N, C-alpha and C. Protein backbone atom coordinates (compact mmCIF):
# COMPACT_ATOMS: atom_id res chain seq x y z
N UNK A 1 36.61 -22.25 67.03
CA UNK A 1 35.43 -21.46 67.30
C UNK A 1 35.48 -20.15 66.54
N UNK A 2 36.62 -19.51 66.47
CA UNK A 2 36.76 -18.26 65.73
C UNK A 2 36.51 -18.47 64.23
N UNK A 3 36.94 -19.59 63.75
CA UNK A 3 36.74 -19.89 62.32
C UNK A 3 35.26 -19.99 61.99
N UNK A 4 34.48 -20.68 62.83
CA UNK A 4 33.05 -20.86 62.58
C UNK A 4 32.32 -19.53 62.62
N UNK A 5 32.68 -18.66 63.56
CA UNK A 5 32.04 -17.36 63.67
C UNK A 5 32.32 -16.49 62.44
N UNK A 6 33.57 -16.53 62.00
CA UNK A 6 33.93 -15.75 60.81
C UNK A 6 33.18 -16.22 59.58
N UNK A 7 33.00 -17.53 59.47
CA UNK A 7 32.26 -18.08 58.34
C UNK A 7 30.82 -17.64 58.36
N UNK A 8 30.22 -17.60 59.54
CA UNK A 8 28.82 -17.19 59.68
C UNK A 8 28.65 -15.73 59.27
N UNK A 9 29.57 -14.88 59.70
CA UNK A 9 29.50 -13.47 59.35
C UNK A 9 29.64 -13.27 57.84
N UNK A 10 30.55 -14.05 57.24
CA UNK A 10 30.78 -13.94 55.79
C UNK A 10 29.54 -14.33 55.00
N UNK A 11 28.89 -15.44 55.41
CA UNK A 11 27.68 -15.89 54.72
C UNK A 11 26.56 -14.89 54.87
N UNK A 12 26.39 -14.33 56.06
CA UNK A 12 25.33 -13.36 56.30
C UNK A 12 25.54 -12.11 55.47
N UNK A 13 26.78 -11.67 55.41
CA UNK A 13 27.12 -10.49 54.60
C UNK A 13 26.83 -10.73 53.12
N UNK A 14 27.16 -11.94 52.65
CA UNK A 14 26.93 -12.29 51.25
C UNK A 14 25.45 -12.30 50.91
N UNK A 15 24.62 -12.79 51.80
CA UNK A 15 23.18 -12.83 51.57
C UNK A 15 22.60 -11.43 51.45
N UNK A 16 23.08 -10.53 52.33
CA UNK A 16 22.59 -9.15 52.28
C UNK A 16 23.03 -8.47 50.99
N UNK A 17 24.30 -8.67 50.66
CA UNK A 17 24.84 -8.04 49.46
C UNK A 17 24.15 -8.51 48.19
N UNK A 18 23.71 -9.78 48.13
CA UNK A 18 23.06 -10.36 46.95
C UNK A 18 21.56 -10.21 46.98
N UNK A 19 21.02 -9.47 47.93
CA UNK A 19 19.58 -9.28 47.99
C UNK A 19 18.88 -10.40 48.71
N UNK A 20 19.58 -11.15 49.50
CA UNK A 20 18.94 -12.25 50.21
C UNK A 20 18.07 -11.78 51.34
N UNK A 21 18.26 -10.57 51.80
CA UNK A 21 17.43 -10.05 52.89
C UNK A 21 16.68 -8.83 52.41
N UNK A 22 15.59 -8.52 53.02
CA UNK A 22 14.79 -7.37 52.66
C UNK A 22 13.78 -7.70 51.60
N UNK A 23 12.85 -6.80 51.33
CA UNK A 23 11.78 -7.02 50.35
C UNK A 23 12.04 -6.18 49.11
N UNK A 24 11.64 -6.71 47.93
CA UNK A 24 11.81 -5.98 46.67
C UNK A 24 10.76 -4.90 46.54
N UNK A 25 11.07 -3.85 45.76
CA UNK A 25 10.13 -2.77 45.56
C UNK A 25 9.06 -3.14 44.57
N UNK A 26 8.13 -2.24 44.31
CA UNK A 26 7.03 -2.51 43.36
C UNK A 26 7.58 -2.65 41.94
N UNK A 27 6.96 -3.46 41.09
CA UNK A 27 7.43 -3.65 39.72
C UNK A 27 7.40 -2.32 38.95
N UNK A 28 8.44 -2.11 38.16
CA UNK A 28 8.52 -0.87 37.39
C UNK A 28 7.54 -0.90 36.23
N UNK A 29 6.90 0.26 35.97
CA UNK A 29 5.97 0.39 34.86
C UNK A 29 6.75 0.70 33.58
N UNK A 30 6.33 0.10 32.49
CA UNK A 30 6.97 0.33 31.21
C UNK A 30 6.38 1.57 30.54
N UNK A 31 7.13 2.15 29.63
CA UNK A 31 6.65 3.30 28.87
C UNK A 31 5.77 2.81 27.73
N UNK A 32 4.57 3.36 27.56
CA UNK A 32 3.71 2.94 26.44
C UNK A 32 4.42 3.17 25.11
N UNK A 33 4.21 2.26 24.16
CA UNK A 33 4.88 2.35 22.86
C UNK A 33 3.89 2.07 21.73
N UNK A 34 4.19 2.65 20.57
CA UNK A 34 3.42 2.40 19.35
C UNK A 34 4.34 1.70 18.37
N UNK A 35 3.87 0.64 17.73
CA UNK A 35 4.68 -0.10 16.78
C UNK A 35 3.90 -0.35 15.49
N UNK A 36 4.65 -0.59 14.40
CA UNK A 36 4.05 -0.80 13.08
C UNK A 36 4.41 -2.20 12.58
N UNK A 37 3.45 -2.85 11.96
CA UNK A 37 3.69 -4.15 11.32
C UNK A 37 3.19 -4.09 9.88
N UNK A 38 4.00 -4.61 8.95
CA UNK A 38 3.62 -4.66 7.53
C UNK A 38 3.29 -6.11 7.18
N UNK A 39 2.18 -6.32 6.49
CA UNK A 39 1.71 -7.69 6.21
C UNK A 39 2.72 -8.49 5.40
N UNK A 40 3.37 -7.86 4.42
CA UNK A 40 4.35 -8.57 3.60
C UNK A 40 5.44 -7.61 3.15
N UNK A 41 6.68 -8.04 3.27
CA UNK A 41 7.83 -7.24 2.86
C UNK A 41 8.84 -8.10 2.14
N UNK A 42 9.62 -7.54 1.19
CA UNK A 42 9.47 -6.18 0.67
C UNK A 42 8.19 -6.02 -0.13
N UNK A 43 7.86 -4.79 -0.45
CA UNK A 43 6.65 -4.50 -1.21
C UNK A 43 7.01 -4.44 -2.69
N UNK A 44 6.28 -5.16 -3.50
CA UNK A 44 6.56 -5.18 -4.94
C UNK A 44 5.87 -4.01 -5.62
N UNK A 45 6.59 -3.36 -6.52
CA UNK A 45 6.01 -2.25 -7.26
C UNK A 45 4.73 -2.68 -7.98
N UNK A 46 3.70 -1.85 -7.87
CA UNK A 46 2.43 -2.16 -8.50
C UNK A 46 1.51 -3.02 -7.66
N UNK A 47 1.95 -3.42 -6.47
CA UNK A 47 1.12 -4.22 -5.57
C UNK A 47 0.90 -3.45 -4.27
N UNK A 48 0.05 -4.02 -3.40
CA UNK A 48 -0.26 -3.37 -2.13
C UNK A 48 0.10 -4.26 -0.95
N UNK A 49 0.29 -3.63 0.20
CA UNK A 49 0.57 -4.35 1.45
C UNK A 49 -0.09 -3.57 2.58
N UNK A 50 -0.69 -4.29 3.52
CA UNK A 50 -1.41 -3.64 4.61
C UNK A 50 -0.49 -3.36 5.79
N UNK A 51 -0.54 -2.14 6.29
CA UNK A 51 0.18 -1.77 7.51
C UNK A 51 -0.80 -1.68 8.67
N UNK A 52 -0.35 -2.07 9.86
CA UNK A 52 -1.18 -1.97 11.06
C UNK A 52 -0.34 -1.41 12.19
N UNK A 53 -0.98 -0.72 13.13
CA UNK A 53 -0.29 -0.12 14.26
C UNK A 53 -0.83 -0.72 15.56
N UNK A 54 0.08 -1.00 16.48
CA UNK A 54 -0.28 -1.60 17.78
C UNK A 54 0.23 -0.71 18.90
N UNK A 55 -0.65 -0.44 19.88
CA UNK A 55 -0.28 0.35 21.05
C UNK A 55 -0.12 -0.58 22.24
N UNK A 56 1.07 -0.56 22.85
CA UNK A 56 1.36 -1.37 24.04
C UNK A 56 1.39 -0.43 25.25
N UNK A 57 0.49 -0.67 26.24
CA UNK A 57 0.39 0.25 27.37
C UNK A 57 1.46 -0.02 28.42
N UNK A 58 1.39 0.72 29.53
CA UNK A 58 2.42 0.65 30.57
C UNK A 58 2.51 -0.72 31.24
N UNK A 59 1.42 -1.47 31.19
CA UNK A 59 1.43 -2.80 31.80
C UNK A 59 1.89 -3.89 30.84
N UNK A 60 2.16 -3.52 29.59
CA UNK A 60 2.59 -4.49 28.59
C UNK A 60 1.46 -5.07 27.78
N UNK A 61 0.24 -4.55 27.97
CA UNK A 61 -0.92 -5.05 27.24
C UNK A 61 -0.97 -4.39 25.86
N UNK A 62 -1.02 -5.20 24.80
CA UNK A 62 -1.03 -4.70 23.43
C UNK A 62 -2.42 -4.74 22.84
N UNK A 63 -2.77 -3.70 22.07
CA UNK A 63 -4.07 -3.65 21.41
C UNK A 63 -3.94 -2.81 20.14
N UNK A 64 -4.82 -3.05 19.16
CA UNK A 64 -4.76 -2.26 17.93
C UNK A 64 -4.93 -0.77 18.22
N UNK A 65 -4.07 0.03 17.61
CA UNK A 65 -4.17 1.48 17.80
C UNK A 65 -5.38 2.02 17.06
N UNK A 66 -5.97 3.08 17.60
CA UNK A 66 -7.15 3.69 16.98
C UNK A 66 -6.81 5.07 16.46
N UNK A 67 -7.62 5.54 15.50
CA UNK A 67 -7.45 6.88 14.92
C UNK A 67 -6.00 7.11 14.48
N UNK A 68 -5.49 6.19 13.69
CA UNK A 68 -4.10 6.27 13.25
C UNK A 68 -3.99 7.19 12.05
N UNK A 69 -2.99 8.06 12.09
CA UNK A 69 -2.66 8.92 10.95
C UNK A 69 -1.41 8.36 10.29
N UNK A 70 -1.51 8.02 9.00
CA UNK A 70 -0.41 7.38 8.28
C UNK A 70 0.24 8.36 7.31
N UNK A 71 1.54 8.17 7.07
CA UNK A 71 2.24 8.98 6.07
C UNK A 71 3.46 8.23 5.56
N UNK A 72 3.94 8.63 4.37
CA UNK A 72 5.14 8.06 3.77
C UNK A 72 6.11 9.19 3.50
N UNK A 73 7.38 8.97 3.80
CA UNK A 73 8.38 10.02 3.60
C UNK A 73 8.68 10.26 2.13
N UNK A 74 8.40 9.30 1.27
CA UNK A 74 8.64 9.44 -0.17
C UNK A 74 7.49 8.78 -0.93
N UNK A 75 6.52 9.60 -1.32
CA UNK A 75 5.37 9.08 -2.05
C UNK A 75 5.72 8.55 -3.42
N UNK A 76 6.87 8.93 -3.96
CA UNK A 76 7.29 8.39 -5.25
C UNK A 76 7.69 6.94 -5.15
N UNK A 77 8.15 6.52 -3.98
CA UNK A 77 8.53 5.12 -3.75
C UNK A 77 7.31 4.30 -3.35
N UNK A 78 6.53 4.81 -2.40
CA UNK A 78 5.33 4.10 -1.96
C UNK A 78 4.35 5.09 -1.35
N UNK A 79 3.09 4.91 -1.63
CA UNK A 79 2.02 5.70 -1.04
C UNK A 79 1.32 4.89 0.04
N UNK A 80 0.74 5.57 1.02
CA UNK A 80 -0.06 4.88 2.03
C UNK A 80 -1.32 5.69 2.27
N UNK A 81 -2.48 5.03 2.28
CA UNK A 81 -3.74 5.75 2.44
C UNK A 81 -4.16 5.82 3.91
N UNK A 82 -5.32 6.41 4.16
CA UNK A 82 -5.78 6.61 5.53
C UNK A 82 -6.05 5.31 6.26
N UNK A 83 -6.26 4.23 5.51
CA UNK A 83 -6.53 2.93 6.12
C UNK A 83 -5.26 2.11 6.32
N UNK A 84 -4.10 2.69 5.95
CA UNK A 84 -2.83 1.97 6.13
C UNK A 84 -2.48 1.05 4.98
N UNK A 85 -3.11 1.20 3.83
CA UNK A 85 -2.81 0.35 2.68
C UNK A 85 -1.68 0.99 1.88
N UNK A 86 -0.57 0.24 1.75
CA UNK A 86 0.62 0.73 1.05
C UNK A 86 0.57 0.30 -0.40
N UNK A 87 0.91 1.20 -1.32
CA UNK A 87 1.02 0.87 -2.74
C UNK A 87 2.45 1.13 -3.19
N UNK A 88 3.14 0.06 -3.63
CA UNK A 88 4.51 0.20 -4.09
C UNK A 88 4.57 0.86 -5.45
N UNK A 89 5.56 1.74 -5.63
CA UNK A 89 5.69 2.44 -6.91
C UNK A 89 7.11 2.29 -7.45
N UNK A 90 8.00 3.21 -7.08
CA UNK A 90 9.37 3.18 -7.60
C UNK A 90 10.27 2.36 -6.69
N UNK A 91 11.23 1.67 -7.28
CA UNK A 91 12.19 0.89 -6.49
C UNK A 91 12.98 1.81 -5.57
N UNK A 92 13.07 1.43 -4.31
CA UNK A 92 13.80 2.23 -3.33
C UNK A 92 13.27 1.95 -1.94
N UNK A 93 13.51 2.87 -1.01
CA UNK A 93 13.03 2.71 0.36
C UNK A 93 12.36 4.00 0.83
N UNK A 94 11.42 3.86 1.73
CA UNK A 94 10.72 5.00 2.30
C UNK A 94 10.34 4.68 3.74
N UNK A 95 10.13 5.72 4.53
CA UNK A 95 9.76 5.55 5.94
C UNK A 95 8.26 5.72 6.09
N UNK A 96 7.61 4.67 6.60
CA UNK A 96 6.19 4.72 6.91
C UNK A 96 6.04 5.20 8.35
N UNK A 97 5.20 6.19 8.57
CA UNK A 97 5.01 6.74 9.91
C UNK A 97 3.55 6.60 10.34
N UNK A 98 3.35 6.26 11.61
CA UNK A 98 2.01 6.17 12.20
C UNK A 98 1.96 7.05 13.44
N UNK A 99 0.86 7.76 13.61
CA UNK A 99 0.63 8.57 14.81
C UNK A 99 -0.72 8.19 15.41
N UNK A 100 -0.73 7.96 16.74
CA UNK A 100 -1.95 7.59 17.43
C UNK A 100 -1.81 7.89 18.91
N UNK A 101 -2.83 8.51 19.50
CA UNK A 101 -2.89 8.77 20.94
C UNK A 101 -1.65 9.50 21.46
N UNK A 102 -1.09 10.36 20.62
CA UNK A 102 0.07 11.13 21.03
C UNK A 102 1.39 10.41 20.85
N UNK A 103 1.36 9.21 20.32
CA UNK A 103 2.58 8.43 20.10
C UNK A 103 2.88 8.35 18.61
N UNK A 104 4.16 8.16 18.28
CA UNK A 104 4.62 8.08 16.89
C UNK A 104 5.49 6.85 16.71
N UNK A 105 5.31 6.17 15.59
CA UNK A 105 6.15 5.02 15.24
C UNK A 105 6.58 5.15 13.79
N UNK A 106 7.76 4.63 13.48
CA UNK A 106 8.27 4.66 12.12
C UNK A 106 8.78 3.28 11.72
N UNK A 107 8.64 2.98 10.43
CA UNK A 107 9.10 1.69 9.90
C UNK A 107 9.58 1.91 8.47
N UNK A 108 10.79 1.47 8.16
CA UNK A 108 11.33 1.60 6.81
C UNK A 108 10.95 0.40 5.96
N UNK A 109 10.36 0.65 4.80
CA UNK A 109 10.01 -0.43 3.89
C UNK A 109 10.83 -0.30 2.61
N UNK A 110 11.02 -1.41 1.93
CA UNK A 110 11.76 -1.46 0.67
C UNK A 110 10.79 -1.86 -0.44
N UNK A 111 10.84 -1.15 -1.55
CA UNK A 111 10.02 -1.47 -2.72
C UNK A 111 10.93 -2.07 -3.79
N UNK A 112 10.53 -3.22 -4.31
CA UNK A 112 11.30 -3.90 -5.35
C UNK A 112 10.48 -3.89 -6.64
N UNK A 113 11.15 -4.20 -7.75
CA UNK A 113 10.48 -4.20 -9.06
C UNK A 113 9.38 -5.24 -9.13
N UNK A 114 8.34 -4.91 -9.88
CA UNK A 114 7.26 -5.84 -10.10
C UNK A 114 7.56 -6.76 -11.29
N UNK A 115 6.58 -7.53 -11.74
CA UNK A 115 6.82 -8.44 -12.87
C UNK A 115 7.03 -7.68 -14.17
N UNK A 116 7.64 -8.34 -15.14
CA UNK A 116 7.89 -7.72 -16.44
C UNK A 116 6.58 -7.29 -17.09
N UNK A 117 6.55 -6.06 -17.58
CA UNK A 117 5.35 -5.53 -18.22
C UNK A 117 5.64 -4.89 -19.57
N UNK A 118 6.88 -4.43 -19.77
CA UNK A 118 7.25 -3.77 -21.03
C UNK A 118 8.61 -4.27 -21.50
N UNK A 119 8.76 -4.39 -22.82
CA UNK A 119 10.05 -4.74 -23.41
C UNK A 119 10.30 -3.81 -24.58
N UNK A 120 11.52 -3.33 -24.69
CA UNK A 120 11.87 -2.42 -25.79
C UNK A 120 13.28 -2.72 -26.26
N UNK A 121 13.59 -2.29 -27.49
CA UNK A 121 14.93 -2.50 -28.05
C UNK A 121 15.89 -1.50 -27.41
N UNK A 122 17.01 -2.00 -26.90
CA UNK A 122 18.01 -1.14 -26.28
C UNK A 122 19.22 -0.94 -27.18
N UNK A 123 19.61 -1.96 -27.95
CA UNK A 123 20.78 -1.86 -28.83
C UNK A 123 20.78 -3.04 -29.79
N UNK A 124 21.50 -2.88 -30.90
CA UNK A 124 21.69 -3.97 -31.85
C UNK A 124 20.76 -3.96 -33.04
N UNK A 125 19.85 -3.00 -33.11
CA UNK A 125 18.90 -2.95 -34.22
C UNK A 125 19.52 -2.22 -35.41
N UNK A 126 18.99 -2.55 -36.60
CA UNK A 126 19.34 -1.87 -37.86
C UNK A 126 20.83 -1.98 -38.21
N UNK A 127 21.40 -3.13 -37.98
CA UNK A 127 22.78 -3.37 -38.41
C UNK A 127 22.78 -3.82 -39.88
N UNK A 128 23.96 -3.84 -40.48
CA UNK A 128 24.09 -4.27 -41.87
C UNK A 128 25.40 -5.02 -42.05
N UNK A 129 25.39 -5.97 -43.00
CA UNK A 129 26.59 -6.74 -43.28
C UNK A 129 26.40 -7.61 -44.49
N UNK A 130 27.45 -8.28 -44.91
CA UNK A 130 27.35 -9.18 -46.06
C UNK A 130 26.58 -10.44 -45.68
N UNK A 131 25.96 -11.05 -46.68
CA UNK A 131 25.24 -12.30 -46.43
C UNK A 131 26.19 -13.34 -45.83
N UNK A 132 25.74 -14.00 -44.76
CA UNK A 132 26.54 -15.01 -44.09
C UNK A 132 27.54 -14.44 -43.08
N UNK A 133 27.61 -13.10 -42.99
CA UNK A 133 28.56 -12.48 -42.07
C UNK A 133 27.98 -12.41 -40.66
N UNK A 134 28.88 -12.31 -39.69
CA UNK A 134 28.47 -12.14 -38.29
C UNK A 134 28.44 -10.65 -37.97
N UNK A 135 27.31 -10.17 -37.53
CA UNK A 135 27.19 -8.75 -37.20
C UNK A 135 27.99 -8.44 -35.93
N UNK A 136 28.50 -7.21 -35.78
CA UNK A 136 29.41 -6.91 -34.68
C UNK A 136 28.76 -6.73 -33.31
N UNK A 137 27.50 -6.36 -33.29
CA UNK A 137 26.87 -6.02 -32.01
C UNK A 137 25.83 -7.05 -31.59
N UNK A 138 25.79 -7.41 -30.29
CA UNK A 138 24.73 -8.29 -29.81
C UNK A 138 23.39 -7.56 -29.79
N UNK A 139 22.32 -8.31 -29.66
CA UNK A 139 20.98 -7.72 -29.58
C UNK A 139 20.63 -7.55 -28.11
N UNK A 140 20.10 -6.39 -27.77
CA UNK A 140 19.81 -6.08 -26.36
C UNK A 140 18.38 -5.55 -26.23
N UNK A 141 17.64 -6.09 -25.27
CA UNK A 141 16.32 -5.55 -24.95
C UNK A 141 16.31 -5.06 -23.52
N UNK A 142 15.46 -4.08 -23.26
CA UNK A 142 15.27 -3.53 -21.92
C UNK A 142 13.92 -3.99 -21.40
N UNK A 143 13.92 -4.58 -20.20
CA UNK A 143 12.70 -5.10 -19.59
C UNK A 143 12.37 -4.27 -18.35
N UNK A 144 11.14 -3.74 -18.29
CA UNK A 144 10.71 -2.94 -17.16
C UNK A 144 9.35 -3.41 -16.66
N UNK A 145 9.01 -3.01 -15.42
CA UNK A 145 7.69 -3.34 -14.89
C UNK A 145 6.70 -2.24 -15.26
N UNK A 146 5.48 -2.32 -14.73
CA UNK A 146 4.44 -1.36 -15.11
C UNK A 146 4.78 0.07 -14.71
N UNK A 147 5.63 0.24 -13.70
CA UNK A 147 6.01 1.58 -13.23
C UNK A 147 7.31 2.07 -13.86
N UNK A 148 7.90 1.27 -14.74
CA UNK A 148 9.13 1.67 -15.40
C UNK A 148 10.40 1.26 -14.69
N UNK A 149 10.28 0.45 -13.62
CA UNK A 149 11.47 -0.04 -12.91
C UNK A 149 12.15 -1.14 -13.72
N UNK A 150 13.47 -1.20 -13.66
CA UNK A 150 14.20 -2.28 -14.32
C UNK A 150 13.83 -3.62 -13.68
N UNK A 151 13.62 -4.63 -14.52
CA UNK A 151 13.29 -5.98 -14.04
C UNK A 151 14.50 -6.87 -14.24
N UNK A 152 14.98 -7.45 -13.17
CA UNK A 152 16.12 -8.37 -13.23
C UNK A 152 15.63 -9.81 -13.28
N UNK A 153 16.30 -10.63 -14.08
CA UNK A 153 15.99 -12.06 -14.12
C UNK A 153 14.92 -12.47 -15.11
N UNK A 154 14.42 -11.53 -15.93
CA UNK A 154 13.42 -11.88 -16.94
C UNK A 154 14.11 -12.55 -18.13
N UNK A 155 13.50 -13.61 -18.66
CA UNK A 155 14.08 -14.34 -19.79
C UNK A 155 13.59 -13.73 -21.10
N UNK A 156 14.55 -13.35 -21.96
CA UNK A 156 14.23 -12.85 -23.30
C UNK A 156 14.60 -13.93 -24.30
N UNK A 157 13.61 -14.44 -25.02
CA UNK A 157 13.84 -15.51 -25.99
C UNK A 157 13.97 -14.91 -27.39
N UNK A 158 15.18 -15.02 -27.96
CA UNK A 158 15.45 -14.48 -29.30
C UNK A 158 15.27 -15.59 -30.33
N UNK A 159 14.52 -15.28 -31.40
CA UNK A 159 14.24 -16.27 -32.45
C UNK A 159 14.41 -15.65 -33.83
N UNK A 160 15.14 -16.33 -34.71
CA UNK A 160 15.27 -15.86 -36.09
C UNK A 160 13.91 -15.97 -36.77
N UNK A 161 13.43 -14.85 -37.31
CA UNK A 161 12.10 -14.83 -37.92
C UNK A 161 12.18 -14.92 -39.44
N UNK A 162 13.03 -14.12 -40.07
CA UNK A 162 13.15 -14.13 -41.52
C UNK A 162 14.62 -14.00 -41.91
N UNK A 163 14.95 -14.49 -43.13
CA UNK A 163 16.29 -14.34 -43.67
C UNK A 163 17.16 -15.57 -43.56
N UNK A 164 16.76 -16.54 -42.73
CA UNK A 164 17.50 -17.79 -42.65
C UNK A 164 18.81 -17.73 -41.90
N UNK A 165 19.04 -16.68 -41.11
CA UNK A 165 20.28 -16.59 -40.36
C UNK A 165 20.23 -17.41 -39.08
N UNK A 166 21.26 -17.25 -38.27
CA UNK A 166 21.33 -17.94 -36.98
C UNK A 166 21.76 -16.93 -35.91
N UNK A 167 21.59 -17.34 -34.66
CA UNK A 167 21.99 -16.49 -33.54
C UNK A 167 22.85 -17.32 -32.59
N UNK A 168 24.03 -16.80 -32.30
CA UNK A 168 24.91 -17.49 -31.36
C UNK A 168 24.36 -17.40 -29.94
N UNK A 169 24.78 -18.32 -29.10
CA UNK A 169 24.35 -18.32 -27.69
C UNK A 169 24.92 -17.08 -26.97
N UNK A 170 24.15 -16.57 -26.00
CA UNK A 170 22.88 -17.10 -25.50
C UNK A 170 21.71 -16.62 -26.34
N UNK A 171 20.76 -17.51 -26.56
CA UNK A 171 19.55 -17.15 -27.30
C UNK A 171 18.37 -16.90 -26.36
N UNK A 172 18.53 -17.19 -25.07
CA UNK A 172 17.48 -16.93 -24.08
C UNK A 172 18.11 -16.37 -22.80
N UNK A 173 18.78 -15.23 -22.90
CA UNK A 173 19.45 -14.66 -21.73
C UNK A 173 18.46 -14.06 -20.74
N UNK A 174 18.91 -13.91 -19.50
CA UNK A 174 18.13 -13.23 -18.48
C UNK A 174 18.59 -11.77 -18.35
N UNK A 175 17.67 -10.91 -18.02
CA UNK A 175 18.01 -9.51 -17.83
C UNK A 175 18.81 -9.32 -16.55
N UNK A 176 19.72 -8.36 -16.60
CA UNK A 176 20.55 -8.06 -15.44
C UNK A 176 19.92 -6.99 -14.56
N UNK A 177 20.66 -6.49 -13.57
CA UNK A 177 20.13 -5.46 -12.66
C UNK A 177 19.68 -4.19 -13.39
N UNK A 178 20.25 -3.95 -14.56
CA UNK A 178 19.87 -2.77 -15.35
C UNK A 178 18.71 -3.06 -16.29
N UNK A 179 18.11 -4.26 -16.18
CA UNK A 179 16.97 -4.62 -17.01
C UNK A 179 17.32 -5.06 -18.41
N UNK A 180 18.60 -5.14 -18.75
CA UNK A 180 19.04 -5.47 -20.10
C UNK A 180 19.31 -6.97 -20.24
N UNK A 181 18.76 -7.57 -21.30
CA UNK A 181 19.02 -8.97 -21.66
C UNK A 181 19.78 -8.98 -22.97
N UNK A 182 20.99 -9.56 -22.98
CA UNK A 182 21.90 -9.48 -24.12
C UNK A 182 22.05 -10.83 -24.80
N UNK A 183 21.80 -10.86 -26.11
CA UNK A 183 21.92 -12.10 -26.88
C UNK A 183 23.34 -12.30 -27.36
N UNK A 184 23.54 -13.44 -28.05
CA UNK A 184 24.79 -13.66 -28.76
C UNK A 184 24.79 -12.87 -30.06
N UNK A 185 25.82 -13.07 -30.89
CA UNK A 185 25.94 -12.33 -32.15
C UNK A 185 25.08 -12.96 -33.24
N UNK A 186 24.56 -12.11 -34.10
CA UNK A 186 23.66 -12.50 -35.19
C UNK A 186 24.49 -12.83 -36.43
N UNK A 187 24.29 -14.04 -36.96
CA UNK A 187 24.93 -14.45 -38.21
C UNK A 187 23.87 -14.36 -39.32
N UNK A 188 24.08 -13.47 -40.26
CA UNK A 188 23.09 -13.25 -41.31
C UNK A 188 22.94 -14.48 -42.21
N UNK A 189 21.73 -14.62 -42.74
CA UNK A 189 21.47 -15.73 -43.66
C UNK A 189 21.93 -15.40 -45.06
N UNK A 190 21.58 -16.29 -45.98
CA UNK A 190 22.06 -16.17 -47.36
C UNK A 190 21.18 -15.30 -48.24
N UNK A 191 20.07 -14.83 -47.73
CA UNK A 191 19.15 -14.03 -48.52
C UNK A 191 19.50 -12.56 -48.41
N UNK A 192 19.56 -11.88 -49.54
CA UNK A 192 19.83 -10.45 -49.54
C UNK A 192 18.60 -9.67 -49.10
N UNK A 193 18.85 -8.51 -48.51
CA UNK A 193 17.75 -7.66 -48.08
C UNK A 193 17.55 -7.70 -46.57
N UNK A 194 16.33 -7.40 -46.17
CA UNK A 194 16.03 -7.32 -44.73
C UNK A 194 15.87 -8.69 -44.10
N UNK A 195 16.48 -8.86 -42.93
CA UNK A 195 16.33 -10.06 -42.12
C UNK A 195 15.90 -9.64 -40.71
N UNK A 196 15.19 -10.52 -40.03
CA UNK A 196 14.64 -10.13 -38.72
C UNK A 196 14.80 -11.21 -37.67
N UNK A 197 14.86 -10.75 -36.42
CA UNK A 197 14.87 -11.61 -35.24
C UNK A 197 13.89 -11.00 -34.24
N UNK A 198 13.08 -11.83 -33.62
CA UNK A 198 12.16 -11.35 -32.59
C UNK A 198 12.70 -11.72 -31.20
N UNK A 199 12.38 -10.89 -30.24
CA UNK A 199 12.74 -11.15 -28.84
C UNK A 199 11.45 -11.10 -28.03
N UNK A 200 11.15 -12.20 -27.32
CA UNK A 200 9.91 -12.32 -26.56
C UNK A 200 10.20 -12.42 -25.07
N UNK A 201 9.47 -11.65 -24.27
CA UNK A 201 9.56 -11.71 -22.81
C UNK A 201 8.17 -11.95 -22.26
N UNK A 202 8.00 -13.03 -21.48
CA UNK A 202 6.70 -13.36 -20.92
C UNK A 202 6.13 -12.22 -20.09
N UNK A 203 4.87 -11.88 -20.35
CA UNK A 203 4.21 -10.81 -19.64
C UNK A 203 4.47 -9.43 -20.19
N UNK A 204 5.47 -9.32 -21.08
CA UNK A 204 5.85 -8.02 -21.61
C UNK A 204 5.66 -7.90 -23.11
N UNK A 205 5.58 -9.02 -23.82
CA UNK A 205 5.41 -8.98 -25.26
C UNK A 205 6.71 -9.20 -26.01
N UNK A 206 6.76 -8.72 -27.24
CA UNK A 206 7.93 -8.97 -28.09
C UNK A 206 8.30 -7.74 -28.89
N UNK A 207 9.54 -7.73 -29.37
CA UNK A 207 10.03 -6.67 -30.27
C UNK A 207 10.76 -7.35 -31.42
N UNK A 208 10.94 -6.62 -32.52
CA UNK A 208 11.58 -7.19 -33.71
C UNK A 208 12.83 -6.39 -34.08
N UNK A 209 13.94 -7.09 -34.21
CA UNK A 209 15.20 -6.50 -34.67
C UNK A 209 15.30 -6.69 -36.17
N UNK A 210 15.83 -5.67 -36.86
CA UNK A 210 15.99 -5.74 -38.31
C UNK A 210 17.45 -5.54 -38.68
N UNK A 211 17.87 -6.25 -39.72
CA UNK A 211 19.24 -6.10 -40.24
C UNK A 211 19.19 -6.19 -41.76
N UNK A 212 20.15 -5.58 -42.41
CA UNK A 212 20.22 -5.60 -43.86
C UNK A 212 21.40 -6.45 -44.30
N UNK A 213 21.10 -7.46 -45.15
CA UNK A 213 22.14 -8.34 -45.70
C UNK A 213 22.47 -7.88 -47.12
N UNK A 214 23.73 -7.60 -47.39
CA UNK A 214 24.14 -7.13 -48.72
C UNK A 214 24.52 -8.30 -49.63
């Protein structure tokens, strides 16, 4: 009999301790919050992306925020207008801020390089050597987007244009993180005088390397 009574007391105590008895209080109200959403990330330099702000009230109901004031911590990386339209510029990151109804939200965005738009000679131009000789320096082009950011992964196609020489592999290298695409070494042809090689990058155009064969 003592054992049964002790068991009953233990069970009753456990129920009270675990909230088995009594009524729960009123549900707690949440703090209203403002949040930012970007339509597409990362943002490519030279393109736009739409930002929107959402206000979630104390009951958890979300709705588009009104009268939003937008700003960017670094306008050189990305600008944002009064309508929340972001324009990517320089490669990097910036903080987008929204203010509405006394609340503030922040969101960090990353801007990456846009498509290839410009190509220029970086190294290897105006070399000289004997006919049939291999020149010492590879040919290098610099590939950038419309804002001047380095473009990685662009294919530069090098082609012998005049002089009858050849070009060692690679003849269609991709640009690296620094925007540079490096060819193999140039073997001059048998003709004396000026010889040329062109380098073409889609969307950016072409440049011409010159060498003198003695």
